[in-house]
C-alpha atoms as a PDB file:
ATOM      1  CA  MET A   1      38.048-230.179  15.785  1.00  0.00           C
ATOM      2  CA  ALA A   2      40.539-227.407  15.195  1.00  0.00           C
ATOM      3  CA  VAL A   3      40.327-224.300  17.389  1.00  0.00           C
ATOM      4  CA  SER A   4      40.749-220.959  15.607  1.00  0.00           C
ATOM      5  CA  SER A   5      43.288-218.423  16.754  1.00  0.00           C
ATOM      6  CA  SER A   6      40.473-216.025  17.730  1.00  0.00           C
ATOM      7  CA  GLN A   7      38.939-218.677  19.968  1.00  0.00           C
ATOM      8  CA  LYS A   8      42.257-219.191  21.738  1.00  0.00           C
ATOM      9  CA  GLY A   9      42.352-215.491  22.589  1.00  0.00           C
ATOM     10  CA  ILE A  10      45.178-214.795  20.168  1.00  0.00           C
ATOM     11  CA  LYS A  11      44.811-211.526  18.322  1.00  0.00           C
ATOM     12  CA  THR A  12      45.094-211.728  14.592  1.00  0.00           C
ATOM     13  CA  PRO A  13      46.771-208.924  12.583  1.00  0.00           C
ATOM     14  CA  THR A  14      43.319-207.733  11.545  1.00  0.00           C
ATOM     15  CA  SER A  15      42.105-207.365  15.146  1.00  0.00           C
ATOM     16  CA  THR A  16      45.320-205.566  16.110  1.00  0.00           C
ATOM     17  CA  ILE A  17      44.825-203.028  13.336  1.00  0.00           C
ATOM     18  CA  THR A  18      41.217-202.513  14.424  1.00  0.00           C
ATOM     19  CA  ASP A  19      42.255-201.934  18.050  1.00  0.00           C
ATOM     20  CA  THR A  20      44.881-199.421  16.927  1.00  0.00           C
ATOM     21  CA  LYS A  21      42.308-197.528  14.876  1.00  0.00           C
ATOM     22  CA  ASN A  22      39.873-197.461  17.785  1.00  0.00           C
ATOM     23  CA  LYS A  23      42.540-196.065  20.108  1.00  0.00           C
ATOM     24  CA  GLY A  24      43.406-193.476  17.495  1.00  0.00           C
ATOM     25  CA  PHE A  25      39.780-192.395  17.200  1.00  0.00           C
ATOM     26  CA  LYS A  26      39.499-192.138  21.009  1.00  0.00           C
ATOM     27  CA  THR A  27      42.639-190.009  21.164  1.00  0.00           C
ATOM     28  CA  MET A  28      41.376-187.713  18.415  1.00  0.00           C
ATOM     29  CA  GLY A  29      38.032-187.372  20.199  1.00  0.00           C
ATOM     30  CA  LEU A  30      39.756-186.424  23.448  1.00  0.00           C
ATOM     31  CA  VAL A  31      41.946-183.851  21.711  1.00  0.00           C
ATOM     32  CA  GLU A  32      38.897-182.309  20.045  1.00  0.00           C
ATOM     33  CA  ARG A  33      37.096-182.036  23.402  1.00  0.00           C
ATOM     34  CA  VAL A  34      40.116-180.436  25.074  1.00  0.00           C
ATOM     35  CA  VAL A  35      40.552-177.929  22.235  1.00  0.00           C
ATOM     36  CA  ALA A  36      36.845-177.040  22.403  1.00  0.00           C
ATOM     37  CA  LEU A  37      37.090-176.493  26.154  1.00  0.00           C
ATOM     38  CA  PHE A  38      40.084-174.191  25.770  1.00  0.00           C
ATOM     39  CA  ILE A  39      38.210-172.166  23.144  1.00  0.00           C
ATOM     40  CA  VAL A  40      35.261-171.799  25.505  1.00  0.00           C
ATOM     41  CA  MET A  41      37.596-170.714  28.317  1.00  0.00           C
ATOM     42  CA  ALA A  42      39.161-168.060  26.058  1.00  0.00           C
ATOM     43  CA  ILE A  43      35.734-166.731  25.103  1.00  0.00           C
ATOM     44  CA  LEU A  44      34.687-166.552  28.742  1.00  0.00           C
ATOM     45  CA  GLN A  45      37.874-164.681  29.626  1.00  0.00           C
ATOM     46  CA  VAL A  46      37.087-161.998  27.045  1.00  0.00           C
ATOM     47  CA  SER A  47      33.414-161.889  27.983  1.00  0.00           C
ATOM     48  CA  ASP A  48      34.272-161.239  31.623  1.00  0.00           C
ATOM     49  CA  ALA A  49      34.894-157.523  30.906  1.00  0.00           C
ATOM     50  CA  ALA A  50      32.073-155.026  31.487  1.00  0.00           C
ATOM     51  CA  VAL A  51      31.138-151.738  29.822  1.00  0.00           C
ATOM     52  CA  TYR A  52      30.137-148.759  31.984  1.00  0.00           C
ATOM     53  CA  LYS A  53      28.702-145.509  30.693  1.00  0.00           C
ATOM     54  CA  VAL A  54      29.612-142.701  33.084  1.00  0.00           C
ATOM     55  CA  GLY A  55      26.425-141.237  34.525  1.00  0.00           C
ATOM     56  CA  ASP A  56      24.343-144.001  32.953  1.00  0.00           C
ATOM     57  CA  SER A  57      21.466-142.472  30.932  1.00  0.00           C
ATOM     58  CA  ALA A  58      22.419-138.901  31.956  1.00  0.00           C
ATOM     59  CA  GLY A  59      25.888-139.211  30.471  1.00  0.00           C
ATOM     60  CA  TRP A  60      28.756-136.783  31.085  1.00  0.00           C
ATOM     61  CA  THR A  61      27.205-133.395  31.853  1.00  0.00           C
ATOM     62  CA  THR A  62      26.741-130.586  34.342  1.00  0.00           C
ATOM     63  CA  LEU A  63      22.964-130.659  33.958  1.00  0.00           C
ATOM     64  CA  GLY A  64      20.814-132.372  36.546  1.00  0.00           C
ATOM     65  CA  LYS A  65      23.464-132.182  39.267  1.00  0.00           C
ATOM     66  CA  ILE A  66      24.679-135.720  38.648  1.00  0.00           C
ATOM     67  CA  ASP A  67      26.629-137.137  41.603  1.00  0.00           C
ATOM     68  CA  TYR A  68      29.442-138.963  39.796  1.00  0.00           C
ATOM     69  CA  LYS A  69      31.084-139.933  43.079  1.00  0.00           C
ATOM     70  CA  LYS A  70      27.915-141.743  44.100  1.00  0.00           C
ATOM     71  CA  TRP A  71      27.601-143.272  40.636  1.00  0.00           C
ATOM     72  CA  ALA A  72      31.139-144.701  40.774  1.00  0.00           C
ATOM     73  CA  ALA A  73      30.635-146.026  44.318  1.00  0.00           C
ATOM     74  CA  THR A  74      27.904-148.391  43.109  1.00  0.00           C
ATOM     75  CA  LYS A  75      30.131-150.007  40.471  1.00  0.00           C
ATOM     76  CA  ASN A  76      32.553-152.909  40.769  1.00  0.00           C
ATOM     77  CA  PHE A  77      35.267-151.821  38.340  1.00  0.00           C
ATOM     78  CA  GLN A  78      37.800-154.437  37.247  1.00  0.00           C
ATOM     79  CA  ILE A  79      40.779-154.621  34.926  1.00  0.00           C
ATOM     80  CA  GLY A  80      39.567-155.066  31.354  1.00  0.00           C
ATOM     81  CA  ASP A  81      36.422-152.985  31.844  1.00  0.00           C
ATOM     82  CA  THR A  82      35.589-150.233  29.363  1.00  0.00           C
ATOM     83  CA  ILE A  83      34.554-146.782  30.594  1.00  0.00           C
ATOM     84  CA  ILE A  84      32.502-144.659  28.183  1.00  0.00           C
ATOM     85  CA  PHE A  85      32.133-140.888  28.402  1.00  0.00           C
ATOM     86  CA  GLU A  86      29.210-139.718  26.282  1.00  0.00           C
ATOM     87  CA  TYR A  87      28.651-135.952  25.998  1.00  0.00           C
ATOM     88  CA  ASN A  88      28.112-132.961  23.743  1.00  0.00           C
ATOM     89  CA  ASP A  89      31.612-132.168  22.474  1.00  0.00           C
ATOM     90  CA  LYS A  90      30.626-128.514  21.922  1.00  0.00           C
ATOM     91  CA  PHE A  91      30.280-127.960  25.665  1.00  0.00           C
ATOM     92  CA  HIS A  92      32.351-130.637  27.387  1.00  0.00           C
ATOM     93  CA  ASN A  93      35.491-132.749  27.199  1.00  0.00           C
ATOM     94  CA  VAL A  94      37.266-135.398  29.283  1.00  0.00           C
ATOM     95  CA  MET A  95      40.646-134.955  30.913  1.00  0.00           C
ATOM     96  CA  ARG A  96      42.604-137.621  32.714  1.00  0.00           C
ATOM     97  CA  VAL A  97      44.560-136.048  35.558  1.00  0.00           C
ATOM     98  CA  THR A  98      46.580-136.811  38.680  1.00  0.00           C
ATOM     99  CA  HIS A  99      45.026-136.981  42.136  1.00  0.00           C
ATOM    100  CA  ALA A 100      46.350-133.518  43.059  1.00  0.00           C
ATOM    101  CA  MET A 101      44.898-132.004  39.889  1.00  0.00           C
ATOM    102  CA  TYR A 102      41.625-133.831  40.515  1.00  0.00           C
ATOM    103  CA  LYS A 103      41.302-132.396  44.020  1.00  0.00           C
ATOM    104  CA  SER A 104      41.980-128.819  42.932  1.00  0.00           C
ATOM    105  CA  CYS A 105      40.268-129.026  39.496  1.00  0.00           C
ATOM    106  CA  ASN A 106      43.537-127.960  37.893  1.00  0.00           C
ATOM    107  CA  ALA A 107      43.229-128.421  34.123  1.00  0.00           C
ATOM    108  CA  SER A 108      46.530-126.763  33.191  1.00  0.00           C
ATOM    109  CA  SER A 109      48.475-129.930  32.274  1.00  0.00           C
ATOM    110  CA  PRO A 110      46.282-133.033  31.966  1.00  0.00           C
ATOM    111  CA  ILE A 111      47.785-136.459  31.361  1.00  0.00           C
ATOM    112  CA  ALA A 112      45.404-136.949  28.429  1.00  0.00           C
ATOM    113  CA  THR A 113      42.489-135.078  26.867  1.00  0.00           C
ATOM    114  CA  PHE A 114      39.528-136.579  24.972  1.00  0.00           C
ATOM    115  CA  THR A 115      37.152-134.523  22.843  1.00  0.00           C
ATOM    116  CA  THR A 116      35.175-136.898  20.585  1.00  0.00           C
ATOM    117  CA  GLY A 117      31.937-136.790  22.582  1.00  0.00           C
ATOM    118  CA  ASN A 118      31.941-140.594  22.773  1.00  0.00           C
ATOM    119  CA  ASP A 119      35.214-141.610  24.368  1.00  0.00           C
ATOM    120  CA  SER A 120      35.960-145.253  25.160  1.00  0.00           C
ATOM    121  CA  ILE A 121      38.694-145.954  27.711  1.00  0.00           C
ATOM    122  CA  ASP A 122      39.885-149.452  28.622  1.00  0.00           C
ATOM    123  CA  ILE A 123      41.089-149.911  32.185  1.00  0.00           C
ATOM    124  CA  SER A 124      44.291-151.966  32.348  1.00  0.00           C
ATOM    125  CA  THR A 125      45.602-151.425  35.902  1.00  0.00           C
ATOM    126  CA  HIS A 126      44.401-151.441  39.486  1.00  0.00           C
ATOM    127  CA  GLY A 127      44.077-148.211  41.435  1.00  0.00           C
ATOM    128  CA  HIS A 128      42.410-144.826  40.926  1.00  0.00           C
ATOM    129  CA  HIS A 129      41.809-143.329  37.499  1.00  0.00           C
ATOM    130  CA  PHE A 130      40.873-139.632  37.796  1.00  0.00           C
ATOM    131  CA  PHE A 131      38.852-137.763  35.171  1.00  0.00           C
ATOM    132  CA  PHE A 132      37.077-134.414  34.946  1.00  0.00           C
ATOM    133  CA  CYS A 133      35.719-131.952  32.398  1.00  0.00           C
ATOM    134  CA  GLY A 134      38.314-129.315  31.574  1.00  0.00           C
ATOM    135  CA  VAL A 135      35.837-126.607  30.617  1.00  0.00           C
ATOM    136  CA  PRO A 136      36.180-123.785  33.192  1.00  0.00           C
ATOM    137  CA  GLY A 137      33.803-124.208  36.099  1.00  0.00           C
ATOM    138  CA  HIS A 138      32.595-127.691  35.170  1.00  0.00           C
ATOM    139  CA  CYS A 139      34.884-129.626  37.484  1.00  0.00           C
ATOM    140  CA  GLU A 140      34.002-127.286  40.333  1.00  0.00           C
ATOM    141  CA  ALA A 141      30.332-127.972  39.533  1.00  0.00           C
ATOM    142  CA  GLY A 142      30.894-131.700  40.105  1.00  0.00           C
ATOM    143  CA  GLN A 143      31.709-132.989  36.617  1.00  0.00           C
ATOM    144  CA  LYS A 144      34.508-135.246  37.838  1.00  0.00           C
ATOM    145  CA  VAL A 145      34.783-138.971  38.503  1.00  0.00           C
ATOM    146  CA  ASP A 146      37.221-141.346  40.197  1.00  0.00           C
ATOM    147  CA  ILE A 147      37.261-144.796  38.607  1.00  0.00           C
ATOM    148  CA  ASN A 148      38.762-146.973  41.343  1.00  0.00           C
ATOM    149  CA  VAL A 149      39.756-150.536  40.426  1.00  0.00           C
ATOM    150  CA  LEU A 150      40.251-152.452  43.659  1.00  0.00           C
ATOM    151  CA  LYS A 151      42.559-155.416  44.112  1.00  0.00           C
ATOM    152  CA  VAL A 152      40.574-158.439  45.225  1.00  0.00           C
ATOM    153  CA  SER A 153      43.143-159.621  47.753  1.00  0.00           C
ATOM    154  CA  ALA A 154      44.197-156.256  49.112  1.00  0.00           C
ATOM    155  CA  ASP A 155      42.674-153.162  50.654  1.00  0.00           C
ATOM    156  CA  ALA A 156      42.054-150.160  48.440  1.00  0.00           C
ATOM    157  CA  PRO A 157      45.043-147.795  48.274  1.00  0.00           C
ATOM    158  CA  THR A 158      44.685-144.367  49.810  1.00  0.00           C
ATOM    159  CA  PRO A 159      44.517-141.451  47.339  1.00  0.00           C
ATOM    160  CA  SER A 160      47.592-139.784  48.889  1.00  0.00           C
ATOM    161  CA  ALA A 161      49.746-142.755  47.920  1.00  0.00           C
ATOM    162  CA  LEU A 162      48.532-143.031  44.343  1.00  0.00           C
ATOM    163  CA  ALA A 163      50.641-142.977  41.228  1.00  0.00           C
ATOM    164  CA  SER A 164      49.137-142.294  37.832  1.00  0.00           C
ATOM    165  CA  PRO A 165      47.837-145.661  36.554  1.00  0.00           C
ATOM    166  CA  THR A 166      48.048-146.493  32.885  1.00  0.00           C
ATOM    167  CA  PHE A 167      45.077-147.020  30.619  1.00  0.00           C
ATOM    168  CA  GLN A 168      44.256-147.617  27.001  1.00  0.00           C
ATOM    169  CA  ALA A 169      42.040-145.348  24.971  1.00  0.00           C
ATOM    170  CA  SER A 170      40.298-146.228  21.731  1.00  0.00           C
ATOM    171  CA  ASN A 171      39.757-143.697  18.959  1.00  0.00           C
ATOM    172  CA  GLY A 172      37.095-145.866  17.311  1.00  0.00           C
ATOM    173  CA  PRO A 173      33.382-145.936  18.109  1.00  0.00           C
ATOM    174  CA  ALA A 174      32.647-146.897  21.665  1.00  0.00           C
ATOM    175  CA  PRO A 175      30.818-150.170  22.323  1.00  0.00           C
ATOM    176  CA  SER A 176      27.197-149.856  23.333  1.00  0.00           C
ATOM    177  CA  PRO A 177      26.901-150.006  27.128  1.00  0.00           C
ATOM    178  CA  SER A 178      24.198-151.922  28.906  1.00  0.00           C
ATOM    179  CA  ASN A 179      22.650-151.571  32.314  1.00  0.00           C
ATOM    180  CA  ALA A 180      25.286-152.028  35.022  1.00  0.00           C
ATOM    181  CA  ASN A 181      23.421-154.592  37.137  1.00  0.00           C
ATOM    182  CA  PRO A 182      23.075-157.242  34.368  1.00  0.00           C
ATOM    183  CA  LEU A 183      26.721-156.684  33.491  1.00  0.00           C
ATOM    184  CA  ILE A 184      27.831-157.375  37.037  1.00  0.00           C
ATOM    185  CA  ALA A 185      25.651-160.470  37.153  1.00  0.00           C
ATOM    186  CA  LEU A 186      27.115-161.717  33.896  1.00  0.00           C
ATOM    187  CA  LYS A 187      30.621-161.135  35.158  1.00  0.00           C
ATOM    188  CA  GLY A 188      29.875-163.252  38.201  1.00  0.00           C
ATOM    189  CA  ALA A 189      28.414-166.016  36.060  1.00  0.00           C
ATOM    190  CA  PHE A 190      31.379-166.017  33.715  1.00  0.00           C
ATOM    191  CA  SER A 191      33.771-166.170  36.691  1.00  0.00           C
ATOM    192  CA  MET A 192      31.960-169.210  38.107  1.00  0.00           C
ATOM    193  CA  MET A 193      32.060-170.926  34.715  1.00  0.00           C
ATOM    194  CA  SER A 194      35.780-170.187  34.391  1.00  0.00           C
ATOM    195  CA  LEU A 195      36.389-171.774  37.791  1.00  0.00           C
ATOM    196  CA  ALA A 196      34.451-174.851  36.712  1.00  0.00           C
ATOM    197  CA  MET A 197      36.491-175.391  33.560  1.00  0.00           C
ATOM    198  CA  PRO A 198      39.449-177.206  35.258  1.00  0.00           C
ATOM    199  CA  ILE A 199      36.965-179.659  36.783  1.00  0.00           C
ATOM    200  CA  VAL A 200      35.461-180.348  33.355  1.00  0.00           C
ATOM    201  CA  LEU A 201      38.947-180.971  31.950  1.00  0.00           C
ATOM    202  CA  LEU A 202      39.723-183.452  34.726  1.00  0.00           C
ATOM    203  CA  LEU A 203      36.471-185.288  34.079  1.00  0.00           C
ATOM    204  CA  ALA A 204      37.251-185.477  30.362  1.00  0.00           C
ATOM    205  CA  PHE A 205      40.679-187.028  31.007  1.00  0.00           C
ATOM    206  CA  SER A 206      39.367-189.411  33.667  1.00  0.00           C
ATOM    207  CA  SER A 207      36.600-190.671  31.375  1.00  0.00           C
ATOM    208  CA  TYR A 208      39.193-191.423  28.709  1.00  0.00           C
ATOM    209  CA  VAL A 209      41.432-193.311  31.113  1.00  0.00           C
END
């Protein structure tokens, strides 16, 4: 009785083509999974930024004796965060100034001035970012804030050694801020998920091999 080539373990041209197609499908599936993972990682990177409204519900004002120093001390500012100043533009403004000007409430030559009543400022560097209201008497009344972005691996710089950090301001409508505590929690969750992504990638490759 004759033994077929398939029974002898010899691959026919048809089986070879089928194996090649299967390998091709596996490769395409792996590429699709890797691309999807990179997209998720990019989304998480963007989502890691937080939005803070100065003074929370009180906003940027001299009313109510808001302690902006205390407000800033409870926040964990990071690069990529957005700082919103919301105020009545008929009575207030926002000036970005140097540390010396901040200490003395000197509004004669600010680095930048914002007057829209809903200013959105993106933080792009570590260090102190000094702001106050330039209306006479308002800074002296406490309408001033120091947005300090600490480096994770280093101690906070002393104010006397500060240079003027750069920032980006948006002229468009400011994004709607949320409560600070959920934002901080979300940032922590996104950071943990970002750290887990390399492990997921390794598992994807190992399962293919």
